């Protein structure tokens, strides 16, 4: 009976260890896959913000040329 109990203990230990490592590796993979995706979204948002800033600058320069006092008319608390 001693050998049988040893084999069962060994199998249980090996299966427990393998299960533990599988769980750890799956969590690590999920973390690695989510990081580049979020980084890509942040860089995309940054480029979109830069593009919007350029467009706003262009629109403000057009307004400055055509309606010189538009800033004073549209200030909060102004008019």
PDB file of N, CA and C in Angstrom:
ATOM      1  N   UNK A   1       0.815  -1.184   0.000  1.00  0.00           N
ATOM      2  CA  UNK A   1       0.000   0.000   0.000  1.00  0.00           C
ATOM      3  C   UNK A   1       0.865   1.255   0.000  1.00  0.00           C
ATOM      4  N   UNK A   2       2.080   1.200   0.482  1.00  0.00           N
ATOM      5  CA  UNK A   2       2.965   2.349   0.540  1.00  0.00           C
ATOM      6  C   UNK A   2       3.335   2.863  -0.846  1.00  0.00           C
ATOM      7  N   UNK A   3       3.617   1.953  -1.790  1.00  0.00           N
ATOM      8  CA  UNK A   3       3.975   2.351  -3.149  1.00  0.00           C
ATOM      9  C   UNK A   3       2.795   2.990  -3.859  1.00  0.00           C
ATOM     10  N   UNK A   4       1.615   2.434  -3.666  1.00  0.00           N
ATOM     11  CA  UNK A   4       0.408   2.968  -4.284  1.00  0.00           C
ATOM     12  C   UNK A   4       0.127   4.397  -3.791  1.00  0.00           C
ATOM     13  N   UNK A   5       0.255   4.645  -2.496  1.00  0.00           N
ATOM     14  CA  UNK A   5       0.044   5.974  -1.942  1.00  0.00           C
ATOM     15  C   UNK A   5       1.100   6.957  -2.442  1.00  0.00           C
ATOM     16  N   UNK A   6       2.327   6.487  -2.598  1.00  0.00           N
ATOM     17  CA  UNK A   6       3.402   7.340  -3.121  1.00  0.00           C
ATOM     18  C   UNK A   6       3.105   7.759  -4.560  1.00  0.00           C
ATOM     19  N   UNK A   7       2.658   6.816  -5.374  1.00  0.00           N
ATOM     20  CA  UNK A   7       2.364   7.121  -6.783  1.00  0.00           C
ATOM     21  C   UNK A   7       1.195   8.104  -6.873  1.00  0.00           C
ATOM     22  N   UNK A   8       0.159   7.883  -6.088  1.00  0.00           N
ATOM     23  CA  UNK A   8      -0.991   8.800  -6.104  1.00  0.00           C
ATOM     24  C   UNK A   8      -0.557  10.188  -5.644  1.00  0.00           C
ATOM     25  N   UNK A   9       0.255  10.273  -4.626  1.00  0.00           N
ATOM     26  CA  UNK A   9       0.745  11.569  -4.144  1.00  0.00           C
ATOM     27  C   UNK A   9       1.574  12.267  -5.209  1.00  0.00           C
ATOM     28  N   UNK A  10       2.425  11.505  -5.883  1.00  0.00           N
ATOM     29  CA  UNK A  10       3.271  12.064  -6.931  1.00  0.00           C
ATOM     30  C   UNK A  10       2.438  12.576  -8.102  1.00  0.00           C
ATOM     31  N   UNK A  11       1.453  11.804  -8.518  1.00  0.00           N
ATOM     32  CA  UNK A  11       0.581  12.219  -9.621  1.00  0.00           C
ATOM     33  C   UNK A  11      -0.198  13.471  -9.231  1.00  0.00           C
ATOM     34  N   UNK A  12      -0.726  13.520  -8.018  1.00  0.00           N
ATOM     35  CA  UNK A  12      -1.472  14.687  -7.559  1.00  0.00           C
ATOM     36  C   UNK A  12      -0.576  15.915  -7.515  1.00  0.00           C
ATOM     37  N   UNK A  13       0.631  15.747  -7.058  1.00  0.00           N
ATOM     38  CA  UNK A  13       1.576  16.869  -6.996  1.00  0.00           C
ATOM     39  C   UNK A  13       1.912  17.380  -8.390  1.00  0.00           C
ATOM     40  N   UNK A  14       2.182  16.465  -9.312  1.00  0.00           N
ATOM     41  CA  UNK A  14       2.516  16.859 -10.692  1.00  0.00           C
ATOM     42  C   UNK A  14       1.324  17.539 -11.343  1.00  0.00           C
ATOM     43  N   UNK A  15       0.129  16.981 -11.212  1.00  0.00           N
ATOM     44  CA  UNK A  15      -1.055  17.600 -11.825  1.00  0.00           C
ATOM     45  C   UNK A  15      -1.353  18.969 -11.214  1.00  0.00           C
ATOM     46  N   UNK A  16      -1.164  19.100  -9.915  1.00  0.00           N
ATOM     47  CA  UNK A  16      -1.369  20.400  -9.279  1.00  0.00           C
ATOM     48  C   UNK A  16      -0.387  21.438  -9.778  1.00  0.00           C
ATOM     49  N   UNK A  17       0.866  21.045  -9.917  1.00  0.00           N
ATOM     50  CA  UNK A  17       1.893  21.959 -10.412  1.00  0.00           C
ATOM     51  C   UNK A  17       1.626  22.360 -11.861  1.00  0.00           C
ATOM     52  N   UNK A  18       1.276  21.384 -12.688  1.00  0.00           N
ATOM     53  CA  UNK A  18       0.985  21.679 -14.099  1.00  0.00           C
ATOM     54  C   UNK A  18      -0.215  22.615 -14.209  1.00  0.00           C
ATOM     55  N   UNK A  19      -1.255  22.360 -13.437  1.00  0.00           N
ATOM     56  CA  UNK A  19      -2.438  23.224 -13.460  1.00  0.00           C
ATOM     57  C   UNK A  19      -2.071  24.644 -13.037  1.00  0.00           C
ATOM     58  N   UNK A  20      -1.283  24.766 -11.998  1.00  0.00           N
ATOM     59  CA  UNK A  20      -0.848  26.075 -11.514  1.00  0.00           C
ATOM     60  C   UNK A  20      -0.089  26.833 -12.601  1.00  0.00           C
ATOM     61  N   UNK A  21       0.844  26.181 -13.281  1.00  0.00           N
ATOM     62  CA  UNK A  21       1.632  26.840 -14.331  1.00  0.00           C
ATOM     63  C   UNK A  21       0.769  27.207 -15.534  1.00  0.00           C
ATOM     64  N   UNK A  22      -0.196  26.372 -15.868  1.00  0.00           N
ATOM     65  CA  UNK A  22      -1.095  26.704 -16.985  1.00  0.00           C
ATOM     66  C   UNK A  22      -1.888  27.964 -16.666  1.00  0.00           C
ATOM     67  N   UNK A  23      -2.393  28.057 -15.449  1.00  0.00           N
ATOM     68  CA  UNK A  23      -3.158  29.249 -15.056  1.00  0.00           C
ATOM     69  C   UNK A  23      -2.276  30.495 -15.097  1.00  0.00           C
ATOM     70  N   UNK A  24      -1.074  30.404 -14.586  1.00  0.00           N
ATOM     71  CA  UNK A  24      -0.161  31.555 -14.588  1.00  0.00           C
ATOM     72  C   UNK A  24       0.196  31.979 -16.014  1.00  0.00           C
ATOM     73  N   UNK A  25       0.493  31.014 -16.876  1.00  0.00           N
ATOM     74  CA  UNK A  25       0.867  31.349 -18.252  1.00  0.00           C
ATOM     75  C   UNK A  25      -0.299  31.949 -19.032  1.00  0.00           C
ATOM     76  N   UNK A  26      -1.516  31.488 -18.787  1.00  0.00           N
ATOM     77  CA  UNK A  26      -2.679  32.055 -19.483  1.00  0.00           C
ATOM     78  C   UNK A  26      -2.899  33.498 -19.066  1.00  0.00           C
ATOM     79  N   UNK A  27      -2.739  33.804 -17.781  1.00  0.00           N
ATOM     80  CA  UNK A  27      -2.890  35.185 -17.318  1.00  0.00           C
ATOM     81  C   UNK A  27      -1.817  36.074 -17.935  1.00  0.00           C
ATOM     82  N   UNK A  28      -0.598  35.543 -18.041  1.00  0.00           N
ATOM     83  CA  UNK A  28       0.494  36.313 -18.630  1.00  0.00           C
ATOM     84  C   UNK A  28       0.225  36.599 -20.102  1.00  0.00           C
ATOM     85  N   UNK A  29      -0.308  35.632 -20.825  1.00  0.00           N
ATOM     86  CA  UNK A  29      -0.632  35.840 -22.243  1.00  0.00           C
ATOM     87  C   UNK A  29      -1.713  36.892 -22.409  1.00  0.00           C
ATOM     88  N   UNK A  30      -2.735  36.838 -21.571  1.00  0.00           N
ATOM     89  CA  UNK A  30      -3.803  37.840 -21.659  1.00  0.00           C
ATOM     90  C   UNK A  30      -3.253  39.230 -21.427  1.00  0.00           C
ATOM     91  N   UNK A  31      -2.372  39.355 -20.467  1.00  0.00           N
ATOM     92  CA  UNK A  31      -1.785  40.656 -20.157  1.00  0.00           C
ATOM     93  C   UNK A  31      -0.950  41.148 -21.335  1.00  0.00           C
ATOM     94  N   UNK A  32      -0.178  40.282 -21.957  1.00  0.00           N
ATOM     95  CA  UNK A  32       0.662  40.687 -23.087  1.00  0.00           C
ATOM     96  C   UNK A  32      -0.178  41.078 -24.285  1.00  0.00           C
ATOM     97  N   UNK A  33      -1.299  40.389 -24.504  1.00  0.00           N
ATOM     98  CA  UNK A  33      -2.142  40.707 -25.652  1.00  0.00           C
ATOM     99  C   UNK A  33      -2.905  42.004 -25.445  1.00  0.00           C
ATOM    100  N   UNK A  34      -3.248  42.344 -24.229  1.00  0.00           N
ATOM    101  CA  UNK A  34      -4.020  43.558 -24.002  1.00  0.00           C
ATOM    102  C   UNK A  34      -3.132  44.807 -24.017  1.00  0.00           C
ATOM    103  N   UNK A  35      -1.871  44.700 -23.647  1.00  0.00           N
ATOM    104  CA  UNK A  35      -1.001  45.869 -23.600  1.00  0.00           C
ATOM    105  C   UNK A  35      -0.771  46.515 -24.964  1.00  0.00           C
ATOM    106  N   UNK A  36      -0.386  45.765 -26.006  1.00  0.00           N
ATOM    107  CA  UNK A  36      -0.175  46.429 -27.293  1.00  0.00           C
ATOM    108  C   UNK A  36      -1.459  47.038 -27.843  1.00  0.00           C
ATOM    109  N   UNK A  37      -2.579  46.398 -27.565  1.00  0.00           N
ATOM    110  CA  UNK A  37      -3.841  46.917 -28.057  1.00  0.00           C
ATOM    111  C   UNK A  37      -4.144  48.266 -27.423  1.00  0.00           C
ATOM    112  N   UNK A  38      -3.981  48.380 -26.118  1.00  0.00           N
ATOM    113  CA  UNK A  38      -4.240  49.646 -25.456  1.00  0.00           C
ATOM    114  C   UNK A  38      -3.201  50.692 -25.871  1.00  0.00           C
ATOM    115  N   UNK A  39      -1.949  50.257 -26.076  1.00  0.00           N
ATOM    116  CA  UNK A  39      -0.915  51.188 -26.532  1.00  0.00           C
ATOM    117  C   UNK A  39      -1.265  51.706 -27.922  1.00  0.00           C
ATOM    118  N   UNK A  40      -1.774  50.846 -28.779  1.00  0.00           N
ATOM    119  CA  UNK A  40      -2.161  51.262 -30.119  1.00  0.00           C
ATOM    120  C   UNK A  40      -3.295  52.274 -30.044  1.00  0.00           C
ATOM    121  N   UNK A  41      -4.246  52.057 -29.182  1.00  0.00           N
ATOM    122  CA  UNK A  41      -5.356  52.986 -29.058  1.00  0.00           C
ATOM    123  C   UNK A  41      -4.876  54.338 -28.540  1.00  0.00           C
ATOM    124  N   UNK A  42      -3.967  54.326 -27.582  1.00  0.00           N
ATOM    125  CA  UNK A  42      -3.457  55.591 -27.059  1.00  0.00           C
ATOM    126  C   UNK A  42      -2.683  56.362 -28.113  1.00  0.00           C
ATOM    127  N   UNK A  43      -1.879  55.680 -28.899  1.00  0.00           N
ATOM    128  CA  UNK A  43      -1.124  56.380 -29.937  1.00  0.00           C
ATOM    129  C   UNK A  43      -2.058  56.900 -31.025  1.00  0.00           C
ATOM    130  N   UNK A  44      -3.103  56.128 -31.321  1.00  0.00           N
ATOM    131  CA  UNK A  44      -4.077  56.579 -32.310  1.00  0.00           C
ATOM    132  C   UNK A  44      -4.824  57.814 -31.805  1.00  0.00           C
ATOM    133  N   UNK A  45      -5.207  57.797 -30.543  1.00  0.00           N
ATOM    134  CA  UNK A  45      -5.877  58.963 -29.965  1.00  0.00           C
ATOM    135  C   UNK A  45      -4.958  60.181 -29.947  1.00  0.00           C
ATOM    136  N   UNK A  46      -3.680  59.962 -29.691  1.00  0.00           N
ATOM    137  CA  UNK A  46      -2.726  61.072 -29.699  1.00  0.00           C
ATOM    138  C   UNK A  46      -2.607  61.708 -31.074  1.00  0.00           C
ATOM    139  N   UNK A  47      -2.562  60.879 -32.102  1.00  0.00           N
ATOM    140  CA  UNK A  47      -2.461  61.429 -33.462  1.00  0.00           C
ATOM    141  C   UNK A  47      -3.757  62.124 -33.867  1.00  0.00           C
ATOM    142  N   UNK A  48      -4.889  61.599 -33.407  1.00  0.00           N
ATOM    143  CA  UNK A  48      -6.160  62.267 -33.696  1.00  0.00           C
ATOM    144  C   UNK A  48      -6.233  63.626 -33.004  1.00  0.00           C
ATOM    145  N   UNK A  49      -5.753  63.705 -31.779  1.00  0.00           N
ATOM    146  CA  UNK A  49      -5.752  64.979 -31.055  1.00  0.00           C
ATOM    147  C   UNK A  49      -4.845  65.992 -31.744  1.00  0.00           C
ATOM    148  N   UNK A  50      -3.702  65.537 -32.216  1.00  0.00           N
ATOM    149  CA  UNK A  50      -2.781  66.431 -32.937  1.00  0.00           C
ATOM    150  C   UNK A  50      -3.432  66.948 -34.218  1.00  0.00           C
ATOM    151  N   UNK A  51      -4.126  66.063 -34.929  1.00  0.00           N
ATOM    152  CA  UNK A  51      -4.814  66.466 -36.150  1.00  0.00           C
ATOM    153  C   UNK A  51      -5.915  67.480 -35.850  1.00  0.00           C
ATOM    154  N   UNK A  52      -6.654  67.246 -34.767  1.00  0.00           N
ATOM    155  CA  UNK A  52      -7.707  68.200 -34.382  1.00  0.00           C
ATOM    156  C   UNK A  52      -7.111  69.557 -34.007  1.00  0.00           C
ATOM    157  N   UNK A  53      -5.991  69.534 -33.302  1.00  0.00           N
ATOM    158  CA  UNK A  53      -5.342  70.787 -32.911  1.00  0.00           C
ATOM    159  C   UNK A  53      -4.925  71.570 -34.156  1.00  0.00           C
ATOM    160  N   UNK A  54      -4.386  70.874 -35.164  1.00  0.00           N
ATOM    161  CA  UNK A  54      -4.001  71.545 -36.404  1.00  0.00           C
ATOM    162  C   UNK A  54      -5.214  72.140 -37.103  1.00  0.00           C
ATOM    163  N   UNK A  55      -6.305  71.394 -37.136  1.00  0.00           N
ATOM    164  CA  UNK A  55      -7.524  71.903 -37.780  1.00  0.00           C
ATOM    165  C   UNK A  55      -8.072  73.122 -37.048  1.00  0.00           C
ATOM    166  N   UNK A  56      -8.059  73.075 -35.734  1.00  0.00           N
ATOM    167  CA  UNK A  56      -8.547  74.217 -34.959  1.00  0.00           C
ATOM    168  C   UNK A  56      -7.682  75.447 -35.211  1.00  0.00           C
ATOM    169  N   UNK A  57      -6.367  75.246 -35.282  1.00  0.00           N
ATOM    170  CA  UNK A  57      -5.465  76.379 -35.576  1.00  0.00           C
ATOM    171  C   UNK A  57      -5.778  76.981 -36.945  1.00  0.00           C
ATOM    172  N   UNK A  58      -6.034  76.127 -37.920  1.00  0.00           N
ATOM    173  CA  UNK A  58      -6.370  76.618 -39.273  1.00  0.00           C
ATOM    174  C   UNK A  58      -7.685  77.389 -39.247  1.00  0.00           C
ATOM    175  N   UNK A  59      -8.688  76.828 -38.567  1.00  0.00           N
ATOM    176  CA  UNK A  59      -9.979  77.518 -38.487  1.00  0.00           C
ATOM    177  C   UNK A  59      -9.852  78.855 -37.763  1.00  0.00           C
ATOM    178  N   UNK A  60      -9.063  78.900 -36.702  1.00  0.00           N
ATOM    179  CA  UNK A  60      -8.870  80.164 -35.989  1.00  0.00           C
ATOM    180  C   UNK A  60      -8.155  81.191 -36.854  1.00  0.00           C
ATOM    181  N   UNK A  61      -7.192  80.746 -37.659  1.00  0.00           N
ATOM    182  CA  UNK A  61      -6.505  81.704 -38.536  1.00  0.00           C
ATOM    183  C   UNK A  61      -7.450  82.230 -39.619  1.00  0.00           C
ATOM    184  N   UNK A  62      -8.358  81.385 -40.108  1.00  0.00           N
ATOM    185  CA  UNK A  62      -9.345  81.842 -41.091  1.00  0.00           C
ATOM    186  C   UNK A  62     -10.286  82.857 -40.448  1.00  0.00           C
ATOM    187  N   UNK A  63     -10.742  82.538 -39.233  1.00  0.00           N
ATOM    188  CA  UNK A  63     -11.622  83.479 -38.540  1.00  0.00           C
ATOM    189  C   UNK A  63     -10.905  84.793 -38.228  1.00  0.00           C
ATOM    190  N   UNK A  64      -9.643  84.725 -37.848  1.00  0.00           N
ATOM    191  CA  UNK A  64      -8.882  85.954 -37.575  1.00  0.00           C
ATOM    192  C   UNK A  64      -8.797  86.828 -38.821  1.00  0.00           C
ATOM    193  N   UNK A  65      -8.657  86.190 -39.980  1.00  0.00           N
ATOM    194  CA  UNK A  65      -8.535  86.958 -41.221  1.00  0.00           C
ATOM    195  C   UNK A  65      -9.877  87.545 -41.648  1.00  0.00           C
ATOM    196  N   UNK A  66     -10.962  86.811 -41.458  1.00  0.00           N
ATOM    197  CA  UNK A  66     -12.256  87.274 -41.974  1.00  0.00           C
ATOM    198  C   UNK A  66     -13.076  88.035 -40.944  1.00  0.00           C
ATOM    199  N   UNK A  67     -12.985  87.674 -39.678  1.00  0.00           N
ATOM    200  CA  UNK A  67     -13.737  88.347 -38.615  1.00  0.00           C
ATOM    201  C   UNK A  67     -12.738  88.671 -37.499  1.00  0.00           C
ATOM    202  N   UNK A  68     -12.069  89.822 -37.566  1.00  0.00           N
ATOM    203  CA  UNK A  68     -10.978  90.120 -36.632  1.00  0.00           C
ATOM    204  C   UNK A  68     -11.375  90.118 -35.156  1.00  0.00           C
ATOM    205  N   UNK A  69     -12.604  90.494 -34.820  1.00  0.00           N
ATOM    206  CA  UNK A  69     -12.976  90.588 -33.404  1.00  0.00           C
ATOM    207  C   UNK A  69     -13.832  89.406 -32.941  1.00  0.00           C
ATOM    208  N   UNK A  70     -13.713  88.277 -33.584  1.00  0.00           N
ATOM    209  CA  UNK A  70     -14.534  87.114 -33.215  1.00  0.00           C
ATOM    210  C   UNK A  70     -14.193  86.581 -31.833  1.00  0.00           C
ATOM    211  N   UNK A  71     -12.942  86.737 -31.431  1.00  0.00           N
ATOM    212  CA  UNK A  71     -12.541  86.235 -30.103  1.00  0.00           C
ATOM    213  C   UNK A  71     -13.226  87.045 -28.994  1.00  0.00           C
ATOM    214  N   UNK A  72     -13.281  88.350 -29.135  1.00  0.00           N
ATOM    215  CA  UNK A  72     -13.916  89.185 -28.121  1.00  0.00           C
ATOM    216  C   UNK A  72     -15.420  88.920 -28.051  1.00  0.00           C
ATOM    217  N   UNK A  73     -16.031  88.641 -29.197  1.00  0.00           N
ATOM    218  CA  UNK A  73     -17.472  88.386 -29.238  1.00  0.00           C
ATOM    219  C   UNK A  73     -17.829  87.045 -28.588  1.00  0.00           C
ATOM    220  N   UNK A  74     -16.916  86.107 -28.615  1.00  0.00           N
ATOM    221  CA  UNK A  74     -17.229  84.758 -28.141  1.00  0.00           C
ATOM    222  C   UNK A  74     -16.567  84.404 -26.820  1.00  0.00           C
ATOM    223  N   UNK A  75     -15.985  85.375 -26.114  1.00  0.00           N
ATOM    224  CA  UNK A  75     -15.403  85.093 -24.817  1.00  0.00           C
ATOM    225  C   UNK A  75     -16.506  84.883 -23.799  1.00  0.00           C
ATOM    226  N   UNK A  76     -16.304  83.982 -22.847  1.00  0.00           N
ATOM    227  CA  UNK A  76     -17.307  83.813 -21.786  1.00  0.00           C
ATOM    228  C   UNK A  76     -17.438  85.096 -20.977  1.00  0.00           C
ATOM    229  N   UNK A  77     -18.665  85.519 -20.768  1.00  0.00           N
ATOM    230  CA  UNK A  77     -18.900  86.754 -20.035  1.00  0.00           C
ATOM    231  C   UNK A  77     -18.773  87.997 -20.894  1.00  0.00           C
ATOM    232  N   UNK A  78     -18.473  87.834 -22.174  1.00  0.00           N
ATOM    233  CA  UNK A  78     -18.288  88.956 -23.077  1.00  0.00           C
ATOM    234  C   UNK A  78     -19.608  89.439 -23.651  1.00  0.00           C
ATOM    235  N   UNK A  79     -19.573  90.284 -24.682  1.00  0.00           N
ATOM    236  CA  UNK A  79     -20.688  90.888 -25.400  1.00  0.00           C
ATOM    237  C   UNK A  79     -21.211  92.066 -24.716  1.00  0.00           C
TER     238      UNK A  79
END
